[in-house]
Every structure is written in structure tokens, then in C-alpha cells.
Amino acid sequence: MRKLNGLQKQALALYKEYIRMAYTKPVENQVKFRKYSKQLFVEKFNKVDRKDFSTIEYLIRFGTRKLEALQNKHVKDINI
């Protein structure tokens, strides 16, 4: 198994934050938030070459901004 580089570690940490955020939402909507998180990372991060650093950095910034928006206590539900 290859060692993870810094950007890969950041992406995994961001995914973990999304999952933690899902557990702060109402119980009936947690499944939607977890599903959205998984869908976001599968669609975006899995299709990028691991050496395409600029795209990975962009996606991490994009994901971080979206996470900050979803962590708002007024966000209680999400449509997927």
C-alpha cells in the first residue's frame, strides 16, 4: 500500500469532517447528509488523477467552503 501524500491526507480529513457534521444534524436527516457526503467525494475526488495537484487543491477548497455552509446550525435538511 502506498503512503498517502499531504493532499490525500487533507482530502480524507475533509471527508471525515463531513461525516462528523452529518451527526450534528437531526437524526431523521443524518442519512441524507452522509449520503450527500459520500456522493460528493465519489463524484469529485475519485475521478481526479492523484498527480493533478491544482485540481485536488481546488476541490479541497470547494469542499471546505461547502462544509462551512452545511455546518451552519440553521441547515437542518438537504436534498440529494
PDB file of N, CA and C in Angstrom:
ATOM      1  N   MET A   1       0.841  -1.179   0.000  1.00  0.00           N
ATOM      2  CA  MET A   1       0.000   0.000   0.000  1.00  0.00           C
ATOM      3  C   MET A   1       0.888   1.244   0.000  1.00  0.00           C
ATOM      4  N   ARG A   2       0.551   2.182  -0.867  1.00  0.00           N
ATOM      5  CA  ARG A   2       1.326   3.415  -0.961  1.00  0.00           C
ATOM      6  C   ARG A   2       1.058   4.338   0.214  1.00  0.00           C
ATOM      7  N   LYS A   3       2.065   5.124   0.531  1.00  0.00           N
ATOM      8  CA  LYS A   3       1.891   6.153   1.550  1.00  0.00           C
ATOM      9  C   LYS A   3       1.051   7.279   0.966  1.00  0.00           C
ATOM     10  N   LEU A   4       0.230   7.880   1.790  1.00  0.00           N
ATOM     11  CA  LEU A   4      -0.586   8.993   1.334  1.00  0.00           C
ATOM     12  C   LEU A   4       0.241  10.268   1.331  1.00  0.00           C
ATOM     13  N   ASN A   5       0.042  11.089   0.288  1.00  0.00           N
ATOM     14  CA  ASN A   5       0.727  12.374   0.283  1.00  0.00           C
ATOM     15  C   ASN A   5      -0.123  13.387   1.058  1.00  0.00           C
ATOM     16  N   GLY A   6       0.371  14.588   1.201  1.00  0.00           N
ATOM     17  CA  GLY A   6      -0.297  15.610   2.011  1.00  0.00           C
ATOM     18  C   GLY A   6      -1.697  15.944   1.537  1.00  0.00           C
ATOM     19  N   LEU A   7      -1.872  16.071   0.225  1.00  0.00           N
ATOM     20  CA  LEU A   7      -3.196  16.413  -0.304  1.00  0.00           C
ATOM     21  C   LEU A   7      -4.191  15.278  -0.085  1.00  0.00           C
ATOM     22  N   GLN A   8      -3.731  14.052  -0.216  1.00  0.00           N
ATOM     23  CA  GLN A   8      -4.621  12.917   0.031  1.00  0.00           C
ATOM     24  C   GLN A   8      -5.051  12.878   1.490  1.00  0.00           C
ATOM     25  N   LYS A   9      -4.132  13.193   2.383  1.00  0.00           N
ATOM     26  CA  LYS A   9      -4.471  13.242   3.802  1.00  0.00           C
ATOM     27  C   LYS A   9      -5.487  14.350   4.073  1.00  0.00           C
ATOM     28  N   GLN A  10      -5.315  15.494   3.407  1.00  0.00           N
ATOM     29  CA  GLN A  10      -6.266  16.594   3.571  1.00  0.00           C
ATOM     30  C   GLN A  10      -7.648  16.193   3.071  1.00  0.00           C
ATOM     31  N   ALA A  11      -7.697  15.499   1.937  1.00  0.00           N
ATOM     32  CA  ALA A  11      -8.981  15.073   1.382  1.00  0.00           C
ATOM     33  C   ALA A  11      -9.675  14.090   2.323  1.00  0.00           C
ATOM     34  N   LEU A  12      -8.935  13.156   2.887  1.00  0.00           N
ATOM     35  CA  LEU A  12      -9.522  12.207   3.825  1.00  0.00           C
ATOM     36  C   LEU A  12     -10.000  12.903   5.097  1.00  0.00           C
ATOM     37  N   ALA A  13      -9.227  13.865   5.564  1.00  0.00           N
ATOM     38  CA  ALA A  13      -9.627  14.621   6.763  1.00  0.00           C
ATOM     39  C   ALA A  13     -10.897  15.414   6.485  1.00  0.00           C
ATOM     40  N   LEU A  14     -10.999  15.967   5.285  1.00  0.00           N
ATOM     41  CA  LEU A  14     -12.199  16.715   4.916  1.00  0.00           C
ATOM     42  C   LEU A  14     -13.420  15.786   4.871  1.00  0.00           C
ATOM     43  N   TYR A  15     -13.235  14.598   4.328  1.00  0.00           N
ATOM     44  CA  TYR A  15     -14.335  13.627   4.286  1.00  0.00           C
ATOM     45  C   TYR A  15     -14.783  13.264   5.706  1.00  0.00           C
ATOM     46  N   LYS A  16     -13.831  13.075   6.592  1.00  0.00           N
ATOM     47  CA  LYS A  16     -14.167  12.764   7.986  1.00  0.00           C
ATOM     48  C   LYS A  16     -14.950  13.906   8.628  1.00  0.00           C
ATOM     49  N   GLU A  17     -14.587  15.141   8.295  1.00  0.00           N
ATOM     50  CA  GLU A  17     -15.323  16.295   8.824  1.00  0.00           C
ATOM     51  C   GLU A  17     -16.757  16.312   8.308  1.00  0.00           C
ATOM     52  N   TYR A  18     -16.949  15.938   7.055  1.00  0.00           N
ATOM     53  CA  TYR A  18     -18.308  15.849   6.503  1.00  0.00           C
ATOM     54  C   TYR A  18     -19.127  14.819   7.279  1.00  0.00           C
ATOM     55  N   ILE A  19     -18.529  13.683   7.564  1.00  0.00           N
ATOM     56  CA  ILE A  19     -19.247  12.634   8.297  1.00  0.00           C
ATOM     57  C   ILE A  19     -19.557  13.104   9.718  1.00  0.00           C
ATOM     58  N   ARG A  20     -18.615  13.762  10.366  1.00  0.00           N
ATOM     59  CA  ARG A  20     -18.866  14.300  11.713  1.00  0.00           C
ATOM     60  C   ARG A  20     -19.977  15.336  11.683  1.00  0.00           C
ATOM     61  N   MET A  21     -19.980  16.172  10.651  1.00  0.00           N
ATOM     62  CA  MET A  21     -21.011  17.195  10.508  1.00  0.00           C
ATOM     63  C   MET A  21     -22.385  16.548  10.386  1.00  0.00           C
ATOM     64  N   ALA A  22     -22.461  15.424   9.690  1.00  0.00           N
ATOM     65  CA  ALA A  22     -23.746  14.748   9.493  1.00  0.00           C
ATOM     66  C   ALA A  22     -24.359  14.346  10.831  1.00  0.00           C
ATOM     67  N   TYR A  23     -23.520  13.973  11.784  1.00  0.00           N
ATOM     68  CA  TYR A  23     -24.028  13.544  13.082  1.00  0.00           C
ATOM     69  C   TYR A  23     -24.475  14.708  13.969  1.00  0.00           C
ATOM     70  N   THR A  24     -24.239  15.937  13.533  1.00  0.00           N
ATOM     71  CA  THR A  24     -24.720  17.097  14.288  1.00  0.00           C
ATOM     72  C   THR A  24     -26.099  17.533  13.820  1.00  0.00           C
ATOM     73  N   LYS A  25     -26.599  16.909  12.769  1.00  0.00           N
ATOM     74  CA  LYS A  25     -27.899  17.267  12.204  1.00  0.00           C
ATOM     75  C   LYS A  25     -28.997  16.410  12.839  1.00  0.00           C
ATOM     76  N   PRO A  26     -30.267  16.792  12.638  1.00  0.00           N
ATOM     77  CA  PRO A  26     -31.367  15.991  13.202  1.00  0.00           C
ATOM     78  C   PRO A  26     -31.267  14.528  12.758  1.00  0.00           C
ATOM     79  N   VAL A  27     -31.621  13.640  13.653  1.00  0.00           N
ATOM     80  CA  VAL A  27     -31.459  12.199  13.424  1.00  0.00           C
ATOM     81  C   VAL A  27     -32.141  11.738  12.135  1.00  0.00           C
ATOM     82  N   GLU A  28     -33.314  12.256  11.861  1.00  0.00           N
ATOM     83  CA  GLU A  28     -34.045  11.810  10.670  1.00  0.00           C
ATOM     84  C   GLU A  28     -33.371  12.253   9.366  1.00  0.00           C
ATOM     85  N   ASN A  29     -32.455  13.207   9.420  1.00  0.00           N
ATOM     86  CA  ASN A  29     -31.796  13.708   8.207  1.00  0.00           C
ATOM     87  C   ASN A  29     -30.320  13.322   8.114  1.00  0.00           C
ATOM     88  N   GLN A  30     -29.804  12.639   9.115  1.00  0.00           N
ATOM     89  CA  GLN A  30     -28.388  12.285   9.108  1.00  0.00           C
ATOM     90  C   GLN A  30     -28.015  11.389   7.932  1.00  0.00           C
ATOM     91  N   VAL A  31     -28.909  10.486   7.568  1.00  0.00           N
ATOM     92  CA  VAL A  31     -28.628   9.580   6.447  1.00  0.00           C
ATOM     93  C   VAL A  31     -28.455  10.380   5.165  1.00  0.00           C
ATOM     94  N   LYS A  32     -29.284  11.398   4.961  1.00  0.00           N
ATOM     95  CA  LYS A  32     -29.173  12.231   3.764  1.00  0.00           C
ATOM     96  C   LYS A  32     -27.830  12.955   3.719  1.00  0.00           C
ATOM     97  N   PHE A  33     -27.393  13.483   4.861  1.00  0.00           N
ATOM     98  CA  PHE A  33     -26.122  14.203   4.898  1.00  0.00           C
ATOM     99  C   PHE A  33     -24.947  13.257   4.647  1.00  0.00           C
ATOM    100  N   ARG A  34     -24.993  12.062   5.214  1.00  0.00           N
ATOM    101  CA  ARG A  34     -23.914  11.100   4.971  1.00  0.00           C
ATOM    102  C   ARG A  34     -23.906  10.666   3.505  1.00  0.00           C
ATOM    103  N   LYS A  35     -25.079  10.434   2.946  1.00  0.00           N
ATOM    104  CA  LYS A  35     -25.184  10.040   1.542  1.00  0.00           C
ATOM    105  C   LYS A  35     -24.671  11.149   0.630  1.00  0.00           C
ATOM    106  N   TYR A  36     -25.019  12.390   0.956  1.00  0.00           N
ATOM    107  CA  TYR A  36     -24.542  13.528   0.174  1.00  0.00           C
ATOM    108  C   TYR A  36     -23.019  13.616   0.239  1.00  0.00           C
ATOM    109  N   SER A  37     -22.455  13.414   1.420  1.00  0.00           N
ATOM    110  CA  SER A  37     -21.009  13.483   1.590  1.00  0.00           C
ATOM    111  C   SER A  37     -20.316  12.423   0.746  1.00  0.00           C
ATOM    112  N   LYS A  38     -20.822  11.218   0.815  1.00  0.00           N
ATOM    113  CA  LYS A  38     -20.228  10.129   0.042  1.00  0.00           C
ATOM    114  C   LYS A  38     -20.340  10.409  -1.450  1.00  0.00           C
ATOM    115  N   GLN A  39     -21.499  10.862  -1.864  1.00  0.00           N
ATOM    116  CA  GLN A  39     -21.735  11.162  -3.275  1.00  0.00           C
ATOM    117  C   GLN A  39     -20.788  12.268  -3.760  1.00  0.00           C
ATOM    118  N   LEU A  40     -20.619  13.298  -2.958  1.00  0.00           N
ATOM    119  CA  LEU A  40     -19.740  14.409  -3.314  1.00  0.00           C
ATOM    120  C   LEU A  40     -18.310  13.930  -3.515  1.00  0.00           C
ATOM    121  N   PHE A  41     -17.822  13.109  -2.610  1.00  0.00           N
ATOM    122  CA  PHE A  41     -16.436  12.667  -2.705  1.00  0.00           C
ATOM    123  C   PHE A  41     -16.237  11.633  -3.797  1.00  0.00           C
ATOM    124  N   VAL A  42     -17.203  10.773  -4.020  1.00  0.00           N
ATOM    125  CA  VAL A  42     -17.059   9.783  -5.087  1.00  0.00           C
ATOM    126  C   VAL A  42     -17.067  10.481  -6.439  1.00  0.00           C
ATOM    127  N   GLU A  43     -17.983  11.427  -6.628  1.00  0.00           N
ATOM    128  CA  GLU A  43     -18.086  12.108  -7.913  1.00  0.00           C
ATOM    129  C   GLU A  43     -16.896  13.015  -8.183  1.00  0.00           C
ATOM    130  N   LYS A  44     -16.444  13.724  -7.184  1.00  0.00           N
ATOM    131  CA  LYS A  44     -15.397  14.726  -7.394  1.00  0.00           C
ATOM    132  C   LYS A  44     -13.992  14.161  -7.235  1.00  0.00           C
ATOM    133  N   PHE A  45     -13.712  13.585  -6.084  1.00  0.00           N
ATOM    134  CA  PHE A  45     -12.335  13.234  -5.763  1.00  0.00           C
ATOM    135  C   PHE A  45     -11.861  11.947  -6.428  1.00  0.00           C
ATOM    136  N   ASN A  46     -12.716  10.975  -6.614  1.00  0.00           N
ATOM    137  CA  ASN A  46     -12.272   9.701  -7.175  1.00  0.00           C
ATOM    138  C   ASN A  46     -11.961   9.785  -8.661  1.00  0.00           C
ATOM    139  N   LYS A  47     -12.399  10.833  -9.338  1.00  0.00           N
ATOM    140  CA  LYS A  47     -12.184  10.936 -10.774  1.00  0.00           C
ATOM    141  C   LYS A  47     -10.980  11.799 -11.130  1.00  0.00           C
ATOM    142  N   VAL A  48     -10.207  12.183 -10.138  1.00  0.00           N
ATOM    143  CA  VAL A  48      -9.062  13.060 -10.364  1.00  0.00           C
ATOM    144  C   VAL A  48      -7.781  12.248 -10.240  1.00  0.00           C
ATOM    145  N   ASP A  49      -6.866  12.470 -11.173  1.00  0.00           N
ATOM    146  CA  ASP A  49      -5.567  11.821 -11.098  1.00  0.00           C
ATOM    147  C   ASP A  49      -4.827  12.296  -9.856  1.00  0.00           C
ATOM    148  N   ARG A  50      -4.197  11.400  -9.154  1.00  0.00           N
ATOM    149  CA  ARG A  50      -3.554  11.751  -7.887  1.00  0.00           C
ATOM    150  C   ARG A  50      -2.387  12.715  -8.057  1.00  0.00           C
ATOM    151  N   LYS A  51      -1.931  12.932  -9.283  1.00  0.00           N
ATOM    152  CA  LYS A  51      -0.834  13.869  -9.528  1.00  0.00           C
ATOM    153  C   LYS A  51      -1.324  15.214 -10.057  1.00  0.00           C
ATOM    154  N   ASP A  52      -2.620  15.377 -10.176  1.00  0.00           N
ATOM    155  CA  ASP A  52      -3.210  16.640 -10.642  1.00  0.00           C
ATOM    156  C   ASP A  52      -3.435  17.545  -9.429  1.00  0.00           C
ATOM    157  N   PHE A  53      -2.345  18.129  -8.939  1.00  0.00           N
ATOM    158  CA  PHE A  53      -2.353  18.855  -7.677  1.00  0.00           C
ATOM    159  C   PHE A  53      -3.254  20.085  -7.685  1.00  0.00           C
ATOM    160  N   SER A  54      -3.267  20.816  -8.786  1.00  0.00           N
ATOM    161  CA  SER A  54      -4.076  22.043  -8.814  1.00  0.00           C
ATOM    162  C   SER A  54      -5.563  21.717  -8.707  1.00  0.00           C
ATOM    163  N   THR A  55      -6.008  20.667  -9.372  1.00  0.00           N
ATOM    164  CA  THR A  55      -7.415  20.274  -9.291  1.00  0.00           C
ATOM    165  C   THR A  55      -7.753  19.776  -7.892  1.00  0.00           C
ATOM    166  N   ILE A  56      -6.873  19.009  -7.301  1.00  0.00           N
ATOM    167  CA  ILE A  56      -7.111  18.492  -5.953  1.00  0.00           C
ATOM    168  C   ILE A  56      -7.185  19.635  -4.952  1.00  0.00           C
ATOM    169  N   GLU A  57      -6.279  20.604  -5.084  1.00  0.00           N
ATOM    170  CA  GLU A  57      -6.314  21.762  -4.188  1.00  0.00           C
ATOM    171  C   GLU A  57      -7.614  22.540  -4.353  1.00  0.00           C
ATOM    172  N   TYR A  58      -8.058  22.708  -5.601  1.00  0.00           N
ATOM    173  CA  TYR A  58      -9.319  23.392  -5.859  1.00  0.00           C
ATOM    174  C   TYR A  58     -10.478  22.638  -5.202  1.00  0.00           C
ATOM    175  N   LEU A  59     -10.525  21.326  -5.363  1.00  0.00           N
ATOM    176  CA  LEU A  59     -11.614  20.534  -4.805  1.00  0.00           C
ATOM    177  C   LEU A  59     -11.608  20.569  -3.280  1.00  0.00           C
ATOM    178  N   ILE A  60     -10.442  20.607  -2.685  1.00  0.00           N
ATOM    179  CA  ILE A  60     -10.367  20.709  -1.221  1.00  0.00           C
ATOM    180  C   ILE A  60     -10.917  22.053  -0.762  1.00  0.00           C
ATOM    181  N   ARG A  61     -10.553  23.135  -1.474  1.00  0.00           N
ATOM    182  CA  ARG A  61     -11.097  24.454  -1.124  1.00  0.00           C
ATOM    183  C   ARG A  61     -12.609  24.484  -1.325  1.00  0.00           C
ATOM    184  N   PHE A  62     -13.080  23.922  -2.435  1.00  0.00           N
ATOM    185  CA  PHE A  62     -14.515  23.840  -2.726  1.00  0.00           C
ATOM    186  C   PHE A  62     -15.235  23.066  -1.623  1.00  0.00           C
ATOM    187  N   GLY A  63     -14.690  21.924  -1.263  1.00  0.00           N
ATOM    188  CA  GLY A  63     -15.298  21.089  -0.225  1.00  0.00           C
ATOM    189  C   GLY A  63     -15.302  21.759   1.128  1.00  0.00           C
ATOM    190  N   THR A  64     -14.256  22.501   1.432  1.00  0.00           N
ATOM    191  CA  THR A  64     -14.165  23.197   2.711  1.00  0.00           C
ATOM    192  C   THR A  64     -15.225  24.295   2.799  1.00  0.00           C
ATOM    193  N   ARG A  65     -15.391  25.055   1.722  1.00  0.00           N
ATOM    194  CA  ARG A  65     -16.413  26.108   1.712  1.00  0.00           C
ATOM    195  C   ARG A  65     -17.814  25.522   1.847  1.00  0.00           C
ATOM    196  N   LYS A  66     -18.062  24.432   1.147  1.00  0.00           N
ATOM    197  CA  LYS A  66     -19.373  23.786   1.222  1.00  0.00           C
ATOM    198  C   LYS A  66     -19.618  23.228   2.623  1.00  0.00           C
ATOM    199  N   LEU A  67     -18.593  22.673   3.237  1.00  0.00           N
ATOM    200  CA  LEU A  67     -18.714  22.153   4.600  1.00  0.00           C
ATOM    201  C   LEU A  67     -19.058  23.267   5.569  1.00  0.00           C
ATOM    202  N   GLU A  68     -18.396  24.410   5.429  1.00  0.00           N
ATOM    203  CA  GLU A  68     -18.686  25.546   6.306  1.00  0.00           C
ATOM    204  C   GLU A  68     -20.144  25.978   6.163  1.00  0.00           C
ATOM    205  N   ALA A  69     -20.653  25.947   4.943  1.00  0.00           N
ATOM    206  CA  ALA A  69     -22.051  26.319   4.731  1.00  0.00           C
ATOM    207  C   ALA A  69     -22.990  25.298   5.362  1.00  0.00           C
ATOM    208  N   LEU A  70     -22.661  24.024   5.242  1.00  0.00           N
ATOM    209  CA  LEU A  70     -23.528  22.976   5.785  1.00  0.00           C
ATOM    210  C   LEU A  70     -23.458  22.893   7.305  1.00  0.00           C
ATOM    211  N   GLN A  71     -22.357  23.345   7.898  1.00  0.00           N
ATOM    212  CA  GLN A  71     -22.218  23.289   9.345  1.00  0.00           C
ATOM    213  C   GLN A  71     -23.063  24.343  10.053  1.00  0.00           C
ATOM    214  N   ASN A  72     -23.614  25.264   9.305  1.00  0.00           N
ATOM    215  CA  ASN A  72     -24.472  26.290   9.888  1.00  0.00           C
ATOM    216  C   ASN A  72     -25.605  25.603  10.653  1.00  0.00           C
ATOM    217  N   LYS A  73     -25.866  26.065  11.865  1.00  0.00           N
ATOM    218  CA  LYS A  73     -26.873  25.407  12.708  1.00  0.00           C
ATOM    219  C   LYS A  73     -28.285  25.545  12.140  1.00  0.00           C
ATOM    220  N   HIS A  74     -28.489  26.462  11.209  1.00  0.00           N
ATOM    221  CA  HIS A  74     -29.820  26.651  10.622  1.00  0.00           C
ATOM    222  C   HIS A  74     -30.093  25.660   9.477  1.00  0.00           C
ATOM    223  N   VAL A  75     -29.055  25.000   8.991  1.00  0.00           N
ATOM    224  CA  VAL A  75     -29.226  23.983   7.945  1.00  0.00           C
ATOM    225  C   VAL A  75     -29.632  22.691   8.636  1.00  0.00           C
ATOM    226  N   LYS A  76     -30.856  22.258   8.391  1.00  0.00           N
ATOM    227  CA  LYS A  76     -31.378  21.068   9.069  1.00  0.00           C
ATOM    228  C   LYS A  76     -31.630  19.907   8.104  1.00  0.00           C
ATOM    229  N   ASP A  77     -31.730  20.200   6.789  1.00  0.00           N
ATOM    230  CA  ASP A  77     -32.044  19.166   5.820  1.00  0.00           C
ATOM    231  C   ASP A  77     -31.317  19.480   4.526  1.00  0.00           C
ATOM    232  N   ILE A  78     -31.198  18.466   3.677  1.00  0.00           N
ATOM    233  CA  ILE A  78     -30.526  18.630   2.393  1.00  0.00           C
ATOM    234  C   ILE A  78     -31.243  17.782   1.366  1.00  0.00           C
ATOM    235  N   ASN A  79     -31.343  18.273   0.145  1.00  0.00           N
ATOM    236  CA  ASN A  79     -31.920  17.500  -0.949  1.00  0.00           C
ATOM    237  C   ASN A  79     -30.808  16.917  -1.778  1.00  0.00           C
ATOM    238  N   ILE A  80     -30.922  15.628  -2.066  1.00  0.00           N
ATOM    239  CA  ILE A  80     -29.904  14.979  -2.906  1.00  0.00           C
ATOM    240  C   ILE A  80     -30.570  14.317  -4.070  1.00  0.00           C
TER     241      ILE A  80
END
